[in-house]
Amino acid sequence: MSFRFHLQATDGAARTGRIETPRGEIRTPAFMPVGTAGTVKAMMPESVAATGADILLGNTYHLMLRPGAERVARLGGLHSFMNWERPILTDSGGFQVMSLAGLRKLTEEGVTFQSHIDGSKHLLSPETSMEIQRQLGSDIVMCFDECPALPADEATVKRSMELSMRWAQRSRDAFGDRPAHALFGIQQGGVTEELRGESAEALTAIGFEGYAIGGLAVGEGQEAMFGVLDYAPGMLPQDKPRYLMGVGKPDDIVGAVKRGVDMMDCVLPSRSGRTGQAWTRRGQVNLRNARHADDPRPLDEACGCPACRNYSRAYLHHVVRAGEMIGGMLLTWHNLHYYQELMAGMRRAIAEGSFEAWEAAFHAGRAEGDIERL
């Protein structure tokens, strides 16, 4: 089976469909939990699957440095290595190089940088990124691009976008013919509509199996991000999946889907879970707060995850404050479960033509705030 996208229904700009891959189907809109170094932190792979996730994201930068892409390839590829047989998307490594690596040097060839782990020197280019992702064996491969931090002046954003488009062509050439795998191009251009349009035209001319909207959620704020999403998805081919990289909070995700985005990823649900933060239909809850210490009620009575089904707020408060590992495990499971329920709710609403009413109920629930303290 080759990679295919089927658009099943629309409601305004919102879309629902499915992506077919040899490793399974991805229901869209889809949220991808982030498995940075071959694991979703605090979760077993089967637990991640139980939340409803169809696909995970792996980080090229982290995996190339440790344990190494060649080692992963020798051991059967990333799916076998991390015991996840469903689809995997790997990012190109570009964002982590720009944000994490020290002493980096950017040229037309690529980016030379020092590892944050041991200081060793490496070169990431479109060609090396494609080879590393081939060794990892991911189902969806991302082009190598540059992602400048915002705010930035328009001349800087334009130079960066044009470099990324040249790298996109090199990525396409280096990717080669891999029928069971997909390569996604990445639209850049900051918050400037004209530059976004130029980027979309360049990517469409090259031709990809899917298209990402990059360079957002990097400091510009939600209002500016939504301003770009009001037009950017419509610049990309209608018959291909659209992926908004690195987003985000629940209201970010709902706003993105409303504007035509099909796929998203973010570390937030797992990172929040490890710090005692829970995302619920009534907003965010901090389990470290003393108000939960004697509360026998579940975190969310309408949630079917193990944290809500089997444990009280008092217990969750206790294990979080005590630094017990089970606290991060239970809250991460809850957060990922909530995010997947969010996606399932939007898929149903779009298919039924009731997305506007669903969105209103979503915001109304969050506006209520957490349940009254005892």
Protein backbone atom coordinates (compact mmCIF):
# COMPACT_ATOMS: atom_id res chain seq x y z
CA MET A 1 0.00 0.00 0.00
CA SER A 2 1.23 3.48 -0.81
CA PHE A 3 0.60 6.69 1.12
CA ARG A 4 -2.86 8.16 0.40
CA PHE A 5 -5.04 10.92 1.86
CA HIS A 6 -8.83 10.74 1.68
CA LEU A 7 -10.82 13.85 2.53
CA GLN A 8 -14.16 12.62 3.90
CA ALA A 9 -16.03 15.74 5.03
CA THR A 10 -15.68 19.48 5.53
CA ASP A 11 -17.51 21.98 7.72
CA GLY A 12 -16.44 25.48 6.83
CA ALA A 13 -12.66 25.27 6.55
CA ALA A 14 -12.48 22.36 9.03
CA ARG A 15 -11.76 18.96 7.47
CA THR A 16 -11.90 15.33 8.49
CA GLY A 17 -10.47 12.38 6.63
CA ARG A 18 -7.94 9.60 6.84
CA ILE A 19 -4.38 8.97 5.80
CA GLU A 20 -3.62 5.44 4.63
CA THR A 21 -0.13 4.08 5.23
CA PRO A 22 1.27 0.53 5.12
CA ARG A 23 1.46 0.61 8.92
CA GLY A 24 -2.10 1.69 9.50
CA GLU A 25 -4.66 4.42 9.13
CA ILE A 26 -4.35 7.92 10.61
CA ARG A 27 -7.68 9.59 11.35
CA THR A 28 -7.65 13.35 10.78
CA PRO A 29 -7.63 15.80 12.36
CA ALA A 30 -4.89 13.96 14.25
CA PHE A 31 -2.79 14.83 17.27
CA MET A 32 0.64 13.19 17.35
CA PRO A 33 2.20 12.59 20.79
CA VAL A 34 5.90 13.41 20.77
CA GLY A 35 8.30 10.52 21.34
CA THR A 36 11.43 12.63 21.42
CA ALA A 37 14.09 9.97 21.89
CA GLY A 38 12.14 6.86 20.96
CA THR A 39 9.68 7.09 23.85
CA VAL A 40 6.73 9.18 24.92
CA LYS A 41 7.98 10.11 28.37
CA ALA A 42 6.25 8.33 31.28
CA MET A 43 4.22 6.10 28.91
CA MET A 44 4.43 2.54 27.60
CA PRO A 45 3.79 2.27 23.84
CA GLU A 46 0.64 0.20 24.41
CA SER A 47 -0.61 2.87 26.81
CA VAL A 48 -0.12 5.55 24.17
CA ALA A 49 -2.10 3.41 21.73
CA ALA A 50 -4.84 2.98 24.35
CA THR A 51 -5.34 6.77 24.45
CA GLY A 52 -6.37 6.63 20.77
CA ALA A 53 -3.17 7.82 19.11
CA ASP A 54 -2.73 6.63 15.52
CA ILE A 55 0.77 8.06 14.99
CA LEU A 56 3.78 9.25 16.99
CA LEU A 57 6.48 11.82 16.27
CA GLY A 58 10.18 11.09 16.68
CA ASN A 59 12.95 13.69 16.79
CA THR A 60 15.72 13.27 14.23
CA TYR A 61 18.16 15.52 16.11
CA HIS A 62 17.91 13.61 19.39
CA LEU A 63 17.91 10.15 17.79
CA MET A 64 20.89 10.88 15.54
CA LEU A 65 22.93 11.89 18.58
CA ARG A 66 21.72 9.10 20.85
CA PRO A 67 21.54 6.16 20.21
CA GLY A 68 22.45 6.99 16.58
CA ALA A 69 20.47 6.38 13.39
CA GLU A 70 22.85 3.69 12.13
CA ARG A 71 22.42 1.73 15.36
CA VAL A 72 18.62 2.04 15.14
CA ALA A 73 18.77 0.78 11.54
CA ARG A 74 20.92 -2.22 12.55
CA LEU A 75 18.38 -3.06 15.23
CA GLY A 76 15.47 -3.14 12.79
CA GLY A 77 14.38 0.50 12.53
CA LEU A 78 12.62 2.83 14.91
CA HIS A 79 9.28 0.97 14.92
CA SER A 80 10.87 -2.25 16.13
CA PHE A 81 13.35 -0.45 18.39
CA MET A 82 10.65 1.37 20.38
CA ASN A 83 7.93 -1.29 20.02
CA TRP A 84 5.50 0.93 18.09
CA GLU A 85 4.15 -0.67 14.92
CA ARG A 86 1.80 2.15 13.96
CA PRO A 87 2.93 5.09 11.79
CA ILE A 88 5.77 7.36 12.87
CA LEU A 89 6.59 10.86 11.62
CA THR A 90 10.10 12.19 12.10
CA ASP A 91 10.96 15.86 12.01
CA SER A 92 14.00 16.95 10.05
CA GLY A 93 16.16 18.04 12.99
CA GLY A 94 16.29 21.64 11.82
CA PHE A 95 14.27 23.15 14.65
CA GLN A 96 16.29 21.42 17.37
CA VAL A 97 19.56 22.45 15.73
CA MET A 98 18.42 26.06 15.77
CA SER A 99 17.00 26.01 19.29
CA LEU A 100 19.16 23.50 21.23
CA ALA A 101 22.54 23.12 19.61
CA GLY A 102 25.43 25.37 20.58
CA LEU A 103 28.07 26.91 18.33
CA ARG A 104 26.14 26.30 15.12
CA LYS A 105 27.10 27.67 11.71
CA LEU A 106 24.53 28.09 8.95
CA THR A 107 25.60 27.91 5.29
CA GLU A 108 23.97 27.04 1.99
CA GLU A 109 25.20 23.48 2.49
CA GLY A 110 23.47 23.00 5.85
CA VAL A 111 24.10 23.53 9.55
CA THR A 112 27.27 22.56 11.38
CA PHE A 113 26.73 22.28 15.12
CA GLN A 114 28.02 20.84 18.35
CA SER A 115 26.04 18.19 20.20
CA HIS A 116 24.43 19.36 23.42
CA ILE A 117 25.31 15.93 24.85
CA ASP A 118 29.06 15.60 24.34
CA GLY A 119 30.18 18.53 22.22
CA SER A 120 30.88 16.39 19.13
CA LYS A 121 30.57 18.16 15.77
CA HIS A 122 27.94 17.25 13.19
CA LEU A 123 26.59 18.48 9.86
CA LEU A 124 22.90 18.41 9.10
CA SER A 125 21.96 19.12 5.50
CA PRO A 126 18.96 18.19 3.38
CA GLU A 127 20.84 15.11 2.21
CA THR A 128 22.03 13.94 5.63
CA SER A 129 18.59 14.58 7.17
CA MET A 130 16.95 12.42 4.50
CA GLU A 131 19.50 9.65 5.06
CA ILE A 132 19.08 9.71 8.85
CA GLN A 133 15.30 9.57 8.53
CA ARG A 134 15.64 6.71 6.02
CA GLN A 135 17.73 4.80 8.54
CA LEU A 136 15.15 5.43 11.23
CA GLY A 137 12.49 4.04 8.88
CA SER A 138 9.80 6.64 9.60
CA ASP A 139 6.61 6.57 7.53
CA ILE A 140 6.42 10.35 7.14
CA VAL A 141 9.66 12.26 6.58
CA MET A 142 9.99 16.02 6.92
CA CYS A 143 12.07 18.25 4.65
CA PHE A 144 15.10 19.92 6.17
CA ASP A 145 14.36 23.59 6.72
CA GLU A 146 15.39 26.63 8.71
CA CYS A 147 12.96 27.99 11.28
CA PRO A 148 13.84 31.51 12.44
CA ALA A 149 12.52 32.66 15.80
CA LEU A 150 9.82 35.32 15.73
CA PRO A 151 9.61 38.24 15.85
CA ALA A 152 12.13 38.82 13.05
CA ASP A 153 12.40 41.50 10.36
CA GLU A 154 10.88 40.68 6.98
CA ALA A 155 14.21 40.60 5.15
CA THR A 156 15.48 37.93 7.55
CA VAL A 157 12.29 35.89 7.19
CA LYS A 158 12.46 36.17 3.38
CA ARG A 159 16.07 34.97 3.22
CA SER A 160 15.26 32.09 5.53
CA MET A 161 12.18 31.08 3.53
CA GLU A 162 14.07 31.14 0.24
CA LEU A 163 16.86 29.02 1.73
CA SER A 164 14.27 26.56 3.04
CA MET A 165 12.73 26.28 -0.44
CA ARG A 166 16.12 25.47 -1.96
CA TRP A 167 16.61 22.90 0.78
CA ALA A 168 13.12 21.52 0.05
CA GLN A 169 14.15 20.74 -3.54
CA ARG A 170 17.34 19.09 -2.31
CA SER A 171 15.32 17.10 0.23
CA ARG A 172 12.96 15.91 -2.52
CA ASP A 173 15.90 14.88 -4.71
CA ALA A 174 17.65 13.06 -1.86
CA PHE A 175 14.47 11.33 -0.66
CA GLY A 176 14.24 9.44 -3.94
CA ASP A 177 11.58 6.88 -4.81
CA ARG A 178 10.12 5.37 -1.63
CA PRO A 179 6.49 4.38 -2.44
CA ALA A 180 5.56 3.21 1.07
CA HIS A 181 6.84 6.43 2.64
CA ALA A 182 5.86 10.09 2.37
CA LEU A 183 7.86 13.32 2.27
CA PHE A 184 6.25 16.52 3.54
CA GLY A 185 7.32 19.98 2.45
CA ILE A 186 7.31 22.80 5.00
CA GLN A 187 5.83 26.22 4.26
CA GLN A 188 7.72 29.14 5.77
CA GLY A 189 7.34 32.90 5.60
CA GLY A 190 6.73 34.06 9.14
CA VAL A 191 3.58 36.15 9.52
CA THR A 192 3.81 37.74 6.05
CA GLU A 193 1.09 36.58 3.66
CA GLU A 194 3.09 37.33 0.51
CA LEU A 195 6.04 35.25 1.70
CA ARG A 196 3.74 32.41 2.73
CA GLY A 197 2.26 32.49 -0.77
CA GLU A 198 5.69 32.37 -2.41
CA SER A 199 6.65 29.43 -0.21
CA ALA A 200 3.45 27.53 -1.01
CA GLU A 201 3.98 28.03 -4.75
CA ALA A 202 7.56 26.77 -4.55
CA LEU A 203 6.57 23.68 -2.55
CA THR A 204 3.63 22.85 -4.81
CA ALA A 205 5.88 23.10 -7.86
CA ILE A 206 8.28 20.59 -6.30
CA GLY A 207 5.45 18.28 -5.24
CA PHE A 208 5.07 16.49 -1.91
CA GLU A 209 2.81 13.86 -0.33
CA GLY A 210 1.82 16.34 2.37
CA TYR A 211 2.52 19.90 3.44
CA ALA A 212 3.42 21.39 6.82
CA ILE A 213 2.92 24.92 8.06
CA GLY A 214 6.17 25.73 9.81
CA GLY A 215 7.57 28.74 11.59
CA LEU A 216 4.61 29.28 13.92
CA ALA A 217 4.25 28.75 17.69
CA VAL A 218 7.76 30.21 17.99
CA GLY A 219 6.94 33.36 19.94
CA GLU A 220 4.44 35.22 17.78
CA GLY A 221 1.40 34.65 20.02
CA GLN A 222 -1.95 33.02 19.33
CA GLU A 223 -3.57 36.01 17.63
CA ALA A 224 -0.75 36.30 15.11
CA MET A 225 -0.71 32.52 14.58
CA PHE A 226 -4.45 32.43 13.89
CA GLY A 227 -4.00 35.39 11.56
CA VAL A 228 -1.59 33.31 9.46
CA LEU A 229 -3.82 30.23 9.66
CA ASP A 230 -6.71 32.26 8.27
CA TYR A 231 -4.98 32.08 4.88
CA ALA A 232 -1.97 29.72 4.97
CA PRO A 233 -3.77 26.33 4.83
CA GLY A 234 -5.78 27.47 1.81
CA MET A 235 -2.56 28.15 -0.08
CA LEU A 236 -1.66 24.46 0.09
CA PRO A 237 -3.10 21.67 -2.08
CA GLN A 238 -6.60 20.66 -0.98
CA ASP A 239 -6.03 16.95 -1.66
CA LYS A 240 -2.99 16.60 0.64
CA PRO A 241 -2.75 16.55 4.44
CA ARG A 242 -1.77 19.78 6.18
CA TYR A 243 0.38 19.62 9.30
CA LEU A 244 0.83 22.49 11.77
CA MET A 245 4.12 21.87 13.55
CA GLY A 246 4.55 22.23 17.30
CA VAL A 247 0.98 23.11 18.34
CA GLY A 248 -0.19 23.20 21.04
CA LYS A 249 -2.67 24.06 23.80
CA PRO A 250 -6.23 22.74 23.38
CA ASP A 251 -7.62 26.09 22.22
CA ASP A 252 -4.71 26.41 19.75
CA ILE A 253 -5.59 23.00 18.33
CA VAL A 254 -9.30 23.75 18.02
CA GLY A 255 -8.55 27.07 16.33
CA ALA A 256 -6.15 25.39 13.92
CA VAL A 257 -8.63 22.67 12.96
CA LYS A 258 -11.28 25.35 12.45
CA ARG A 259 -8.93 26.94 9.90
CA GLY A 260 -8.21 23.78 7.92
CA VAL A 261 -5.33 21.98 9.65
CA ASP A 262 -5.27 18.16 9.62
CA MET A 263 -2.30 17.19 11.84
CA MET A 264 -0.57 18.63 14.92
CA ASP A 265 2.07 17.66 17.48
CA CYS A 266 3.24 19.08 20.79
CA VAL A 267 5.17 18.04 23.90
CA LEU A 268 2.69 19.93 26.08
CA PRO A 269 0.41 17.09 27.27
CA SER A 270 3.32 14.90 28.36
CA ARG A 271 5.47 17.75 29.71
CA SER A 272 2.52 19.16 31.66
CA GLY A 273 1.73 15.74 33.10
CA ARG A 274 5.23 15.43 34.51
CA THR A 275 4.88 18.77 36.31
CA GLY A 276 1.47 18.13 37.89
CA GLN A 277 -0.63 19.93 35.27
CA ALA A 278 -3.78 18.35 33.85
CA TRP A 279 -5.80 19.47 30.85
CA THR A 280 -9.54 18.89 31.17
CA ARG A 281 -12.77 19.93 29.45
CA ARG A 282 -13.05 22.62 32.15
CA GLY A 283 -9.57 23.98 31.59
CA GLN A 284 -6.20 23.41 33.20
CA VAL A 285 -5.87 21.97 36.71
CA ASN A 286 -2.75 22.20 38.87
CA LEU A 287 -2.65 19.10 41.07
CA ARG A 288 0.10 20.61 43.22
CA ASN A 289 -2.39 23.06 44.71
CA ALA A 290 -3.38 22.38 48.33
CA ARG A 291 -7.08 22.57 47.51
CA HIS A 292 -6.89 18.99 46.17
CA ALA A 293 -5.27 17.44 49.27
CA ASP A 294 -8.55 16.14 50.81
CA ASP A 295 -10.63 15.88 47.63
CA PRO A 296 -11.95 12.33 47.06
CA ARG A 297 -13.46 13.20 43.66
CA PRO A 298 -11.91 12.23 40.32
CA LEU A 299 -9.93 14.71 38.28
CA ASP A 300 -12.68 14.67 35.63
CA GLU A 301 -15.77 12.54 36.27
CA ALA A 302 -16.54 12.37 32.53
CA CYS A 303 -13.07 11.01 31.63
CA GLY A 304 -12.42 7.28 31.24
CA CYS A 305 -8.64 7.32 31.60
CA PRO A 306 -7.00 5.35 34.46
CA ALA A 307 -6.15 8.50 36.42
CA CYS A 308 -9.79 9.59 36.50
CA ARG A 309 -11.33 6.13 36.73
CA ASN A 310 -9.20 4.71 39.53
CA TYR A 311 -7.71 7.55 41.58
CA SER A 312 -8.86 10.61 43.52
CA ARG A 313 -7.62 14.16 43.27
CA ALA A 314 -6.25 13.70 46.77
CA TYR A 315 -4.09 10.77 45.65
CA LEU A 316 -2.89 12.56 42.53
CA HIS A 317 -2.03 15.60 44.65
CA HIS A 318 -0.09 13.40 47.05
CA VAL A 319 2.03 11.56 44.47
CA VAL A 320 2.74 14.75 42.54
CA ARG A 321 3.86 16.60 45.68
CA ALA A 322 5.87 13.58 46.82
CA GLY A 323 7.67 13.35 43.47
CA GLU A 324 6.50 9.79 42.88
CA MET A 325 6.87 8.59 39.27
CA ILE A 326 3.27 7.39 39.17
CA GLY A 327 2.11 11.00 39.36
CA GLY A 328 3.70 11.90 36.04
CA MET A 329 2.60 8.60 34.53
CA LEU A 330 -1.07 9.03 35.45
CA LEU A 331 -1.30 12.69 34.49
CA THR A 332 0.51 12.14 31.19
CA TRP A 333 -1.93 9.32 30.37
CA HIS A 334 -4.84 11.59 31.29
CA ASN A 335 -3.55 14.50 29.19
CA LEU A 336 -2.93 12.34 26.12
CA HIS A 337 -6.36 10.73 26.57
CA TYR A 338 -7.95 14.17 26.77
CA TYR A 339 -6.15 15.37 23.64
CA GLN A 340 -7.27 12.29 21.69
CA GLU A 341 -10.85 12.73 22.92
CA LEU A 342 -10.63 16.31 21.71
CA MET A 343 -9.60 15.16 18.24
CA ALA A 344 -12.32 12.48 18.14
CA GLY A 345 -14.94 15.04 19.10
CA MET A 346 -13.87 17.36 16.31
CA ARG A 347 -13.84 14.54 13.76
CA ARG A 348 -17.43 13.63 14.69
CA ALA A 349 -18.59 17.24 14.65
CA ILE A 350 -17.07 17.93 11.22
CA ALA A 351 -18.61 14.75 9.80
CA GLU A 352 -22.01 15.77 11.21
CA GLY A 353 -21.73 19.39 10.07
CA SER A 354 -21.96 20.66 13.65
CA PHE A 355 -18.46 22.00 14.22
CA GLU A 356 -19.60 25.52 15.12
CA ALA A 357 -21.87 24.21 17.90
CA TRP A 358 -19.15 21.83 19.10
CA GLU A 359 -16.64 24.68 19.25
CA ALA A 360 -19.05 26.87 21.23
CA ALA A 361 -19.58 24.05 23.76
CA PHE A 362 -15.81 23.52 24.00
CA HIS A 363 -15.17 27.16 24.89
CA ALA A 364 -18.17 27.29 27.25
CA GLY A 365 -16.87 24.28 29.18
CA ARG A 366 -13.44 25.84 29.59
CA ALA A 367 -14.98 29.13 30.69
CA GLU A 368 -16.70 27.40 33.61
CA GLY A 369 -13.34 26.68 35.22
CA ASP A 370 -12.53 23.81 37.54
CA ILE A 371 -15.13 22.28 39.86
CA GLU A 372 -15.78 24.09 43.13
CA ARG A 373 -13.45 23.12 45.94
CA LEU A 374 -14.89 21.10 48.81
